[in-house]
Amino acid sequence: MDAVFIGDEISAAGWRLAGLQCHVPPPTSAEVTALFQRVRDEAGLVLITAELAEQLSQRLLDEALRTQSPPTLVIADIRGRRQPADLAASLKRQLGLAE
């Protein structure tokens, strides 16, 4: 099972060097969703940039992150245009521990 990256072309160049199979879909929600669902059925690990993860339905993304089958991570692109949610900060806010 391969590790797969879904995101922009510049980030994909780096992930290709690391040996990942890379996909650079057009940024339309239908195409990103179809690719994401297909890749989840075939891959052992899925990395998707935060920018493209926003194109997915919240239900689909939540399911992928909750089940972790395959392990799925939302990451920032190399330019830092969009950052993934900071889960640690969110948890601290919910517990009343945020500064």
PDB file of N, CA and C in Angstrom:
ATOM      1  N   MET A   1       0.843  -1.176   0.000  1.00  0.00           N
ATOM      2  CA  MET A   1       0.000   0.000   0.000  1.00  0.00           C
ATOM      3  C   MET A   1       0.886   1.236   0.000  1.00  0.00           C
ATOM      4  N   ASP A   2       0.582   2.161  -0.875  1.00  0.00           N
ATOM      5  CA  ASP A   2       1.388   3.361  -1.037  1.00  0.00           C
ATOM      6  C   ASP A   2       0.876   4.506  -0.180  1.00  0.00           C
ATOM      7  N   ALA A   3       1.778   5.423   0.115  1.00  0.00           N
ATOM      8  CA  ALA A   3       1.406   6.692   0.719  1.00  0.00           C
ATOM      9  C   ALA A   3       1.068   7.644  -0.420  1.00  0.00           C
ATOM     10  N   VAL A   4       0.033   8.456  -0.225  1.00  0.00           N
ATOM     11  CA  VAL A   4      -0.466   9.331  -1.287  1.00  0.00           C
ATOM     12  C   VAL A   4      -0.559  10.762  -0.770  1.00  0.00           C
ATOM     13  N   PHE A   5      -0.153  11.709  -1.616  1.00  0.00           N
ATOM     14  CA  PHE A   5      -0.288  13.133  -1.330  1.00  0.00           C
ATOM     15  C   PHE A   5      -1.282  13.729  -2.314  1.00  0.00           C
ATOM     16  N   ILE A   6      -2.198  14.558  -1.812  1.00  0.00           N
ATOM     17  CA  ILE A   6      -3.145  15.298  -2.649  1.00  0.00           C
ATOM     18  C   ILE A   6      -2.954  16.773  -2.323  1.00  0.00           C
ATOM     19  N   GLY A   7      -2.554  17.558  -3.318  1.00  0.00           N
ATOM     20  CA  GLY A   7      -2.341  18.975  -3.048  1.00  0.00           C
ATOM     21  C   GLY A   7      -1.811  19.725  -4.249  1.00  0.00           C
ATOM     22  N   ASP A   8      -1.121  20.828  -3.971  1.00  0.00           N
ATOM     23  CA  ASP A   8      -0.622  21.703  -5.032  1.00  0.00           C
ATOM     24  C   ASP A   8       0.656  21.146  -5.652  1.00  0.00           C
ATOM     25  N   GLU A   9       1.004  21.664  -6.818  1.00  0.00           N
ATOM     26  CA  GLU A   9       2.136  21.152  -7.600  1.00  0.00           C
ATOM     27  C   GLU A   9       3.477  21.347  -6.898  1.00  0.00           C
ATOM     28  N   ILE A  10       3.682  22.481  -6.266  1.00  0.00           N
ATOM     29  CA  ILE A  10       4.974  22.741  -5.624  1.00  0.00           C
ATOM     30  C   ILE A  10       5.185  21.800  -4.441  1.00  0.00           C
ATOM     31  N   SER A  11       4.170  21.645  -3.605  1.00  0.00           N
ATOM     32  CA  SER A  11       4.280  20.708  -2.479  1.00  0.00           C
ATOM     33  C   SER A  11       4.459  19.286  -2.992  1.00  0.00           C
ATOM     34  N   ALA A  12       3.751  18.953  -4.057  1.00  0.00           N
ATOM     35  CA  ALA A  12       3.830  17.600  -4.619  1.00  0.00           C
ATOM     36  C   ALA A  12       5.246  17.265  -5.069  1.00  0.00           C
ATOM     37  N   ALA A  13       5.977  18.245  -5.575  1.00  0.00           N
ATOM     38  CA  ALA A  13       7.350  17.990  -6.014  1.00  0.00           C
ATOM     39  C   ALA A  13       8.199  17.473  -4.859  1.00  0.00           C
ATOM     40  N   GLY A  14       8.049  18.065  -3.698  1.00  0.00           N
ATOM     41  CA  GLY A  14       8.795  17.610  -2.527  1.00  0.00           C
ATOM     42  C   GLY A  14       8.362  16.240  -2.054  1.00  0.00           C
ATOM     43  N   TRP A  15       7.063  16.005  -2.041  1.00  0.00           N
ATOM     44  CA  TRP A  15       6.559  14.701  -1.589  1.00  0.00           C
ATOM     45  C   TRP A  15       6.937  13.597  -2.571  1.00  0.00           C
ATOM     46  N   ARG A  16       7.029  13.927  -3.867  1.00  0.00           N
ATOM     47  CA  ARG A  16       7.490  12.935  -4.847  1.00  0.00           C
ATOM     48  C   ARG A  16       8.915  12.496  -4.535  1.00  0.00           C
ATOM     49  N   LEU A  17       9.757  13.443  -4.151  1.00  0.00           N
ATOM     50  CA  LEU A  17      11.137  13.118  -3.791  1.00  0.00           C
ATOM     51  C   LEU A  17      11.190  12.188  -2.581  1.00  0.00           C
ATOM     52  N   ALA A  18      10.193  12.276  -1.717  1.00  0.00           N
ATOM     53  CA  ALA A  18      10.125  11.411  -0.538  1.00  0.00           C
ATOM     54  C   ALA A  18       9.502  10.055  -0.866  1.00  0.00           C
ATOM     55  N   GLY A  19       9.089   9.865  -2.112  1.00  0.00           N
ATOM     56  CA  GLY A  19       8.576   8.572  -2.542  1.00  0.00           C
ATOM     57  C   GLY A  19       7.072   8.415  -2.516  1.00  0.00           C
ATOM     58  N   LEU A  20       6.330   9.497  -2.277  1.00  0.00           N
ATOM     59  CA  LEU A  20       4.877   9.393  -2.257  1.00  0.00           C
ATOM     60  C   LEU A  20       4.306   9.486  -3.666  1.00  0.00           C
ATOM     61  N   GLN A  21       3.169   8.851  -3.854  1.00  0.00           N
ATOM     62  CA  GLN A  21       2.408   8.998  -5.090  1.00  0.00           C
ATOM     63  C   GLN A  21       1.641  10.311  -4.950  1.00  0.00           C
ATOM     64  N   CYS A  22       1.754  11.214  -5.913  1.00  0.00           N
ATOM     65  CA  CYS A  22       1.174  12.551  -5.785  1.00  0.00           C
ATOM     66  C   CYS A  22       0.084  12.805  -6.814  1.00  0.00           C
ATOM     67  N   HIS A  23      -0.955  13.510  -6.370  1.00  0.00           N
ATOM     68  CA  HIS A  23      -2.066  13.910  -7.234  1.00  0.00           C
ATOM     69  C   HIS A  23      -2.267  15.409  -7.065  1.00  0.00           C
ATOM     70  N   VAL A  24      -2.418  16.107  -8.187  1.00  0.00           N
ATOM     71  CA  VAL A  24      -2.670  17.546  -8.183  1.00  0.00           C
ATOM     72  C   VAL A  24      -3.981  17.769  -8.936  1.00  0.00           C
ATOM     73  N   PRO A  25      -5.112  17.670  -8.238  1.00  0.00           N
ATOM     74  CA  PRO A  25      -6.401  17.802  -8.922  1.00  0.00           C
ATOM     75  C   PRO A  25      -6.766  19.261  -9.161  1.00  0.00           C
ATOM     76  N   PRO A  26      -7.630  19.510 -10.145  1.00  0.00           N
ATOM     77  CA  PRO A  26      -8.186  20.854 -10.290  1.00  0.00           C
ATOM     78  C   PRO A  26      -8.961  21.180  -9.010  1.00  0.00           C
ATOM     79  N   PRO A  27      -8.929  22.432  -8.565  1.00  0.00           N
ATOM     80  CA  PRO A  27      -9.528  22.759  -7.268  1.00  0.00           C
ATOM     81  C   PRO A  27     -11.052  22.889  -7.282  1.00  0.00           C
ATOM     82  N   THR A  28     -11.738  21.935  -7.886  1.00  0.00           N
ATOM     83  CA  THR A  28     -13.197  21.925  -7.814  1.00  0.00           C
ATOM     84  C   THR A  28     -13.608  20.842  -6.835  1.00  0.00           C
ATOM     85  N   SER A  29     -14.625  21.120  -6.063  1.00  0.00           N
ATOM     86  CA  SER A  29     -14.986  20.198  -4.987  1.00  0.00           C
ATOM     87  C   SER A  29     -15.373  18.818  -5.503  1.00  0.00           C
ATOM     88  N   ALA A  30     -16.020  18.731  -6.644  1.00  0.00           N
ATOM     89  CA  ALA A  30     -16.432  17.422  -7.163  1.00  0.00           C
ATOM     90  C   ALA A  30     -15.222  16.566  -7.518  1.00  0.00           C
ATOM     91  N   GLU A  31     -14.239  17.160  -8.159  1.00  0.00           N
ATOM     92  CA  GLU A  31     -13.053  16.393  -8.562  1.00  0.00           C
ATOM     93  C   GLU A  31     -12.184  16.034  -7.366  1.00  0.00           C
ATOM     94  N   VAL A  32     -12.047  16.951  -6.410  1.00  0.00           N
ATOM     95  CA  VAL A  32     -11.267  16.669  -5.203  1.00  0.00           C
ATOM     96  C   VAL A  32     -11.945  15.561  -4.402  1.00  0.00           C
ATOM     97  N   THR A  33     -13.262  15.626  -4.275  1.00  0.00           N
ATOM     98  CA  THR A  33     -14.001  14.607  -3.528  1.00  0.00           C
ATOM     99  C   THR A  33     -13.867  13.244  -4.182  1.00  0.00           C
ATOM    100  N   ALA A  34     -14.024  13.173  -5.495  1.00  0.00           N
ATOM    101  CA  ALA A  34     -13.909  11.887  -6.194  1.00  0.00           C
ATOM    102  C   ALA A  34     -12.513  11.300  -6.032  1.00  0.00           C
ATOM    103  N   LEU A  35     -11.491  12.124  -6.177  1.00  0.00           N
ATOM    104  CA  LEU A  35     -10.116  11.654  -6.016  1.00  0.00           C
ATOM    105  C   LEU A  35      -9.864  11.189  -4.587  1.00  0.00           C
ATOM    106  N   PHE A  36     -10.308  11.962  -3.607  1.00  0.00           N
ATOM    107  CA  PHE A  36     -10.103  11.614  -2.200  1.00  0.00           C
ATOM    108  C   PHE A  36     -10.758  10.277  -1.872  1.00  0.00           C
ATOM    109  N   GLN A  37     -11.976  10.060  -2.334  1.00  0.00           N
ATOM    110  CA  GLN A  37     -12.663   8.793  -2.063  1.00  0.00           C
ATOM    111  C   GLN A  37     -11.954   7.625  -2.734  1.00  0.00           C
ATOM    112  N   ARG A  38     -11.491   7.809  -3.960  1.00  0.00           N
ATOM    113  CA  ARG A  38     -10.781   6.739  -4.663  1.00  0.00           C
ATOM    114  C   ARG A  38      -9.470   6.407  -3.964  1.00  0.00           C
ATOM    115  N   VAL A  39      -8.730   7.434  -3.580  1.00  0.00           N
ATOM    116  CA  VAL A  39      -7.438   7.238  -2.927  1.00  0.00           C
ATOM    117  C   VAL A  39      -7.608   6.537  -1.580  1.00  0.00           C
ATOM    118  N   ARG A  40      -8.653   6.872  -0.837  1.00  0.00           N
ATOM    119  CA  ARG A  40      -8.883   6.222   0.466  1.00  0.00           C
ATOM    120  C   ARG A  40      -9.080   4.724   0.320  1.00  0.00           C
ATOM    121  N   ASP A  41      -9.626   4.289  -0.794  1.00  0.00           N
ATOM    122  CA  ASP A  41      -9.839   2.858  -1.017  1.00  0.00           C
ATOM    123  C   ASP A  41      -8.548   2.132  -1.369  1.00  0.00           C
ATOM    124  N   GLU A  42      -7.541   2.865  -1.865  1.00  0.00           N
ATOM    125  CA  GLU A  42      -6.336   2.225  -2.395  1.00  0.00           C
ATOM    126  C   GLU A  42      -5.079   2.460  -1.567  1.00  0.00           C
ATOM    127  N   ALA A  43      -5.009   3.545  -0.813  1.00  0.00           N
ATOM    128  CA  ALA A  43      -3.751   3.966  -0.184  1.00  0.00           C
ATOM    129  C   ALA A  43      -3.590   3.426   1.229  1.00  0.00           C
ATOM    130  N   GLY A  44      -2.332   3.423   1.679  1.00  0.00           N
ATOM    131  CA  GLY A  44      -2.023   3.055   3.053  1.00  0.00           C
ATOM    132  C   GLY A  44      -1.911   4.276   3.947  1.00  0.00           C
ATOM    133  N   LEU A  45      -1.703   5.456   3.357  1.00  0.00           N
ATOM    134  CA  LEU A  45      -1.594   6.728   4.073  1.00  0.00           C
ATOM    135  C   LEU A  45      -2.017   7.825   3.111  1.00  0.00           C
ATOM    136  N   VAL A  46      -2.826   8.766   3.586  1.00  0.00           N
ATOM    137  CA  VAL A  46      -3.286   9.877   2.747  1.00  0.00           C
ATOM    138  C   VAL A  46      -2.901  11.199   3.409  1.00  0.00           C
ATOM    139  N   LEU A  47      -2.175  12.031   2.666  1.00  0.00           N
ATOM    140  CA  LEU A  47      -1.870  13.394   3.084  1.00  0.00           C
ATOM    141  C   LEU A  47      -2.597  14.327   2.128  1.00  0.00           C
ATOM    142  N   ILE A  48      -3.333  15.299   2.664  1.00  0.00           N
ATOM    143  CA  ILE A  48      -4.052  16.261   1.826  1.00  0.00           C
ATOM    144  C   ILE A  48      -3.821  17.652   2.393  1.00  0.00           C
ATOM    145  N   THR A  49      -3.602  18.628   1.507  1.00  0.00           N
ATOM    146  CA  THR A  49      -3.374  19.988   1.988  1.00  0.00           C
ATOM    147  C   THR A  49      -4.676  20.570   2.533  1.00  0.00           C
ATOM    148  N   ALA A  50      -4.532  21.503   3.473  1.00  0.00           N
ATOM    149  CA  ALA A  50      -5.694  22.141   4.090  1.00  0.00           C
ATOM    150  C   ALA A  50      -6.553  22.844   3.045  1.00  0.00           C
ATOM    151  N   GLU A  51      -5.905  23.425   2.042  1.00  0.00           N
ATOM    152  CA  GLU A  51      -6.638  24.132   0.991  1.00  0.00           C
ATOM    153  C   GLU A  51      -7.582  23.192   0.241  1.00  0.00           C
ATOM    154  N   LEU A  52      -7.113  22.003  -0.113  1.00  0.00           N
ATOM    155  CA  LEU A  52      -7.981  21.057  -0.819  1.00  0.00           C
ATOM    156  C   LEU A  52      -8.930  20.345   0.134  1.00  0.00           C
ATOM    157  N   ALA A  53      -8.535  20.169   1.379  1.00  0.00           N
ATOM    158  CA  ALA A  53      -9.432  19.549   2.356  1.00  0.00           C
ATOM    159  C   ALA A  53     -10.690  20.396   2.549  1.00  0.00           C
ATOM    160  N   GLU A  54     -10.570  21.715   2.375  1.00  0.00           N
ATOM    161  CA  GLU A  54     -11.737  22.596   2.478  1.00  0.00           C
ATOM    162  C   GLU A  54     -12.757  22.324   1.376  1.00  0.00           C
ATOM    163  N   GLN A  55     -12.327  21.719   0.274  1.00  0.00           N
ATOM    164  CA  GLN A  55     -13.236  21.398  -0.828  1.00  0.00           C
ATOM    165  C   GLN A  55     -14.092  20.165  -0.524  1.00  0.00           C
ATOM    166  N   LEU A  56     -13.671  19.362   0.447  1.00  0.00           N
ATOM    167  CA  LEU A  56     -14.416  18.154   0.807  1.00  0.00           C
ATOM    168  C   LEU A  56     -15.593  18.519   1.695  1.00  0.00           C
ATOM    169  N   SER A  57     -16.619  17.677   1.679  1.00  0.00           N
ATOM    170  CA  SER A  57     -17.716  17.906   2.612  1.00  0.00           C
ATOM    171  C   SER A  57     -17.190  17.672   4.025  1.00  0.00           C
ATOM    172  N   GLN A  58     -17.726  18.411   4.980  1.00  0.00           N
ATOM    173  CA  GLN A  58     -17.266  18.275   6.364  1.00  0.00           C
ATOM    174  C   GLN A  58     -17.502  16.857   6.873  1.00  0.00           C
ATOM    175  N   ARG A  59     -18.602  16.250   6.462  1.00  0.00           N
ATOM    176  CA  ARG A  59     -18.913  14.885   6.883  1.00  0.00           C
ATOM    177  C   ARG A  59     -17.855  13.899   6.398  1.00  0.00           C
ATOM    178  N   LEU A  60     -17.468  14.008   5.129  1.00  0.00           N
ATOM    179  CA  LEU A  60     -16.470  13.101   4.559  1.00  0.00           C
ATOM    180  C   LEU A  60     -15.114  13.281   5.235  1.00  0.00           C
ATOM    181  N   LEU A  61     -14.699  14.522   5.431  1.00  0.00           N
ATOM    182  CA  LEU A  61     -13.411  14.783   6.071  1.00  0.00           C
ATOM    183  C   LEU A  61     -13.418  14.302   7.520  1.00  0.00           C
ATOM    184  N   ASP A  62     -14.490  14.600   8.252  1.00  0.00           N
ATOM    185  CA  ASP A  62     -14.580  14.149   9.647  1.00  0.00           C
ATOM    186  C   ASP A  62     -14.520  12.632   9.745  1.00  0.00           C
ATOM    187  N   GLU A  63     -15.213  11.945   8.841  1.00  0.00           N
ATOM    188  CA  GLU A  63     -15.195  10.479   8.845  1.00  0.00           C
ATOM    189  C   GLU A  63     -13.783   9.950   8.593  1.00  0.00           C
ATOM    190  N   ALA A  64     -13.091  10.536   7.623  1.00  0.00           N
ATOM    191  CA  ALA A  64     -11.732  10.086   7.299  1.00  0.00           C
ATOM    192  C   ALA A  64     -10.789  10.304   8.473  1.00  0.00           C
ATOM    193  N   LEU A  65     -10.909  11.444   9.138  1.00  0.00           N
ATOM    194  CA  LEU A  65     -10.026  11.743  10.264  1.00  0.00           C
ATOM    195  C   LEU A  65     -10.382  10.920  11.497  1.00  0.00           C
ATOM    196  N   ARG A  66     -11.654  10.621  11.668  1.00  0.00           N
ATOM    197  CA  ARG A  66     -12.097   9.843  12.828  1.00  0.00           C
ATOM    198  C   ARG A  66     -11.723   8.372  12.695  1.00  0.00           C
ATOM    199  N   THR A  67     -11.998   7.788  11.538  1.00  0.00           N
ATOM    200  CA  THR A  67     -11.763   6.351  11.380  1.00  0.00           C
ATOM    201  C   THR A  67     -10.294   6.025  11.159  1.00  0.00           C
ATOM    202  N   GLN A  68      -9.563   6.960  10.557  1.00  0.00           N
ATOM    203  CA  GLN A  68      -8.140   6.743  10.264  1.00  0.00           C
ATOM    204  C   GLN A  68      -7.908   5.432   9.515  1.00  0.00           C
ATOM    205  N   SER A  69      -8.794   5.142   8.578  1.00  0.00           N
ATOM    206  CA  SER A  69      -8.655   3.945   7.757  1.00  0.00           C
ATOM    207  C   SER A  69      -8.787   4.351   6.295  1.00  0.00           C
ATOM    208  N   PRO A  70      -7.714   4.647   5.617  1.00  0.00           N
ATOM    209  CA  PRO A  70      -6.312   4.623   6.036  1.00  0.00           C
ATOM    210  C   PRO A  70      -5.983   5.869   6.858  1.00  0.00           C
ATOM    211  N   PRO A  71      -4.832   5.859   7.542  1.00  0.00           N
ATOM    212  CA  PRO A  71      -4.434   7.068   8.268  1.00  0.00           C
ATOM    213  C   PRO A  71      -4.446   8.275   7.330  1.00  0.00           C
ATOM    214  N   THR A  72      -5.085   9.354   7.781  1.00  0.00           N
ATOM    215  CA  THR A  72      -5.269  10.543   6.954  1.00  0.00           C
ATOM    216  C   THR A  72      -4.828  11.769   7.739  1.00  0.00           C
ATOM    217  N   LEU A  73      -4.031  12.620   7.110  1.00  0.00           N
ATOM    218  CA  LEU A  73      -3.559  13.850   7.743  1.00  0.00           C
ATOM    219  C   LEU A  73      -3.840  15.044   6.848  1.00  0.00           C
ATOM    220  N   VAL A  74      -4.311  16.131   7.453  1.00  0.00           N
ATOM    221  CA  VAL A  74      -4.459  17.403   6.750  1.00  0.00           C
ATOM    222  C   VAL A  74      -3.218  18.214   7.091  1.00  0.00           C
ATOM    223  N   ILE A  75      -2.503  18.655   6.051  1.00  0.00           N
ATOM    224  CA  ILE A  75      -1.236  19.355   6.254  1.00  0.00           C
ATOM    225  C   ILE A  75      -1.250  20.706   5.551  1.00  0.00           C
ATOM    226  N   ALA A  76      -0.329  21.584   5.946  1.00  0.00           N
ATOM    227  CA  ALA A  76      -0.167  22.876   5.267  1.00  0.00           C
ATOM    228  C   ALA A  76       0.581  22.650   3.959  1.00  0.00           C
ATOM    229  N   ASP A  77       0.325  23.518   2.980  1.00  0.00           N
ATOM    230  CA  ASP A  77       1.125  23.433   1.757  1.00  0.00           C
ATOM    231  C   ASP A  77       2.457  24.143   1.988  1.00  0.00           C
ATOM    232  N   ILE A  78       3.356  24.007   1.059  1.00  0.00           N
ATOM    233  CA  ILE A  78       4.703  24.548   1.235  1.00  0.00           C
ATOM    234  C   ILE A  78       4.703  26.073   1.348  1.00  0.00           C
ATOM    235  N   ARG A  79       3.721  26.717   0.774  1.00  0.00           N
ATOM    236  CA  ARG A  79       3.642  28.187   0.832  1.00  0.00           C
ATOM    237  C   ARG A  79       2.965  28.680   2.105  1.00  0.00           C
ATOM    238  N   GLY A  80       2.333  27.783   2.847  1.00  0.00           N
ATOM    239  CA  GLY A  80       1.661  28.165   4.084  1.00  0.00           C
ATOM    240  C   GLY A  80       0.412  28.998   3.868  1.00  0.00           C
ATOM    241  N   ARG A  81      -0.237  28.839   2.717  1.00  0.00           N
ATOM    242  CA  ARG A  81      -1.432  29.636   2.415  1.00  0.00           C
ATOM    243  C   ARG A  81      -2.586  29.308   3.351  1.00  0.00           C
ATOM    244  N   ARG A  82      -2.743  28.034   3.674  1.00  0.00           N
ATOM    245  CA  ARG A  82      -3.789  27.608   4.609  1.00  0.00           C
ATOM    246  C   ARG A  82      -3.177  26.630   5.592  1.00  0.00           C
ATOM    247  N   GLN A  83      -3.485  26.811   6.837  1.00  0.00           N
ATOM    248  CA  GLN A  83      -2.968  25.928   7.873  1.00  0.00           C
ATOM    249  C   GLN A  83      -4.081  24.979   8.318  1.00  0.00           C
ATOM    250  N   PRO A  84      -3.736  23.736   8.626  1.00  0.00           N
ATOM    251  CA  PRO A  84      -4.749  22.826   9.165  1.00  0.00           C
ATOM    252  C   PRO A  84      -5.156  23.279  10.559  1.00  0.00           C
ATOM    253  N   ALA A  85      -6.285  22.793  11.014  1.00  0.00           N
ATOM    254  CA  ALA A  85      -6.767  23.140  12.349  1.00  0.00           C
ATOM    255  C   ALA A  85      -5.754  22.697  13.398  1.00  0.00           C
ATOM    256  N   ASP A  86      -5.549  23.527  14.411  1.00  0.00           N
ATOM    257  CA  ASP A  86      -4.646  23.193  15.512  1.00  0.00           C
ATOM    258  C   ASP A  86      -5.462  22.431  16.554  1.00  0.00           C
ATOM    259  N   LEU A  87      -5.372  21.116  16.514  1.00  0.00           N
ATOM    260  CA  LEU A  87      -6.195  20.288  17.391  1.00  0.00           C
ATOM    261  C   LEU A  87      -5.831  20.463  18.855  1.00  0.00           C
ATOM    262  N   ALA A  88      -4.559  20.652  19.160  1.00  0.00           N
ATOM    263  CA  ALA A  88      -4.143  20.843  20.554  1.00  0.00           C
ATOM    264  C   ALA A  88      -4.739  22.131  21.118  1.00  0.00           C
ATOM    265  N   ALA A  89      -4.697  23.217  20.348  1.00  0.00           N
ATOM    266  CA  ALA A  89      -5.262  24.486  20.809  1.00  0.00           C
ATOM    267  C   ALA A  89      -6.772  24.376  20.979  1.00  0.00           C
ATOM    268  N   SER A  90      -7.426  23.676  20.068  1.00  0.00           N
ATOM    269  CA  SER A  90      -8.870  23.485  20.172  1.00  0.00           C
ATOM    270  C   SER A  90      -9.230  22.711  21.435  1.00  0.00           C
ATOM    271  N   LEU A  91      -8.487  21.670  21.722  1.00  0.00           N
ATOM    272  CA  LEU A  91      -8.738  20.871  22.921  1.00  0.00           C
ATOM    273  C   LEU A  91      -8.514  21.699  24.182  1.00  0.00           C
ATOM    274  N   LYS A  92      -7.459  22.507  24.208  1.00  0.00           N
ATOM    275  CA  LYS A  92      -7.196  23.362  25.370  1.00  0.00           C
ATOM    276  C   LYS A  92      -8.333  24.357  25.585  1.00  0.00           C
ATOM    277  N   ARG A  93      -8.869  24.937  24.494  1.00  0.00           N
ATOM    278  CA  ARG A  93      -9.999  25.861  24.619  1.00  0.00           C
ATOM    279  C   ARG A  93     -11.211  25.148  25.190  1.00  0.00           C
ATOM    280  N   GLN A  94     -11.483  23.945  24.714  1.00  0.00           N
ATOM    281  CA  GLN A  94     -12.643  23.196  25.184  1.00  0.00           C
ATOM    282  C   GLN A  94     -12.525  22.821  26.657  1.00  0.00           C
ATOM    283  N   LEU A  95     -11.308  22.582  27.109  1.00  0.00           N
ATOM    284  CA  LEU A  95     -11.085  22.216  28.508  1.00  0.00           C
ATOM    285  C   LEU A  95     -10.902  23.431  29.412  1.00  0.00           C
ATOM    286  N   GLY A  96     -10.916  24.625  28.824  1.00  0.00           N
ATOM    287  CA  GLY A  96     -10.741  25.843  29.603  1.00  0.00           C
ATOM    288  C   GLY A  96      -9.302  26.093  30.009  1.00  0.00           C
ATOM    289  N   LEU A  97      -8.355  25.525  29.284  1.00  0.00           N
ATOM    290  CA  LEU A  97      -6.941  25.673  29.615  1.00  0.00           C
ATOM    291  C   LEU A  97      -6.221  26.654  28.707  1.00  0.00           C
ATOM    292  N   ALA A  98      -6.932  27.248  27.770  1.00  0.00           N
ATOM    293  CA  ALA A  98      -6.300  28.170  26.817  1.00  0.00           C
ATOM    294  C   ALA A  98      -5.883  29.445  27.526  1.00  0.00           C
ATOM    295  N   GLU A  99      -4.807  30.031  27.058  1.00  0.00           N
ATOM    296  CA  GLU A  99      -4.301  31.275  27.662  1.00  0.00           C
ATOM    297  C   GLU A  99      -5.041  32.469  27.149  1.00  0.00           C
TER     298      GLU A  99
END
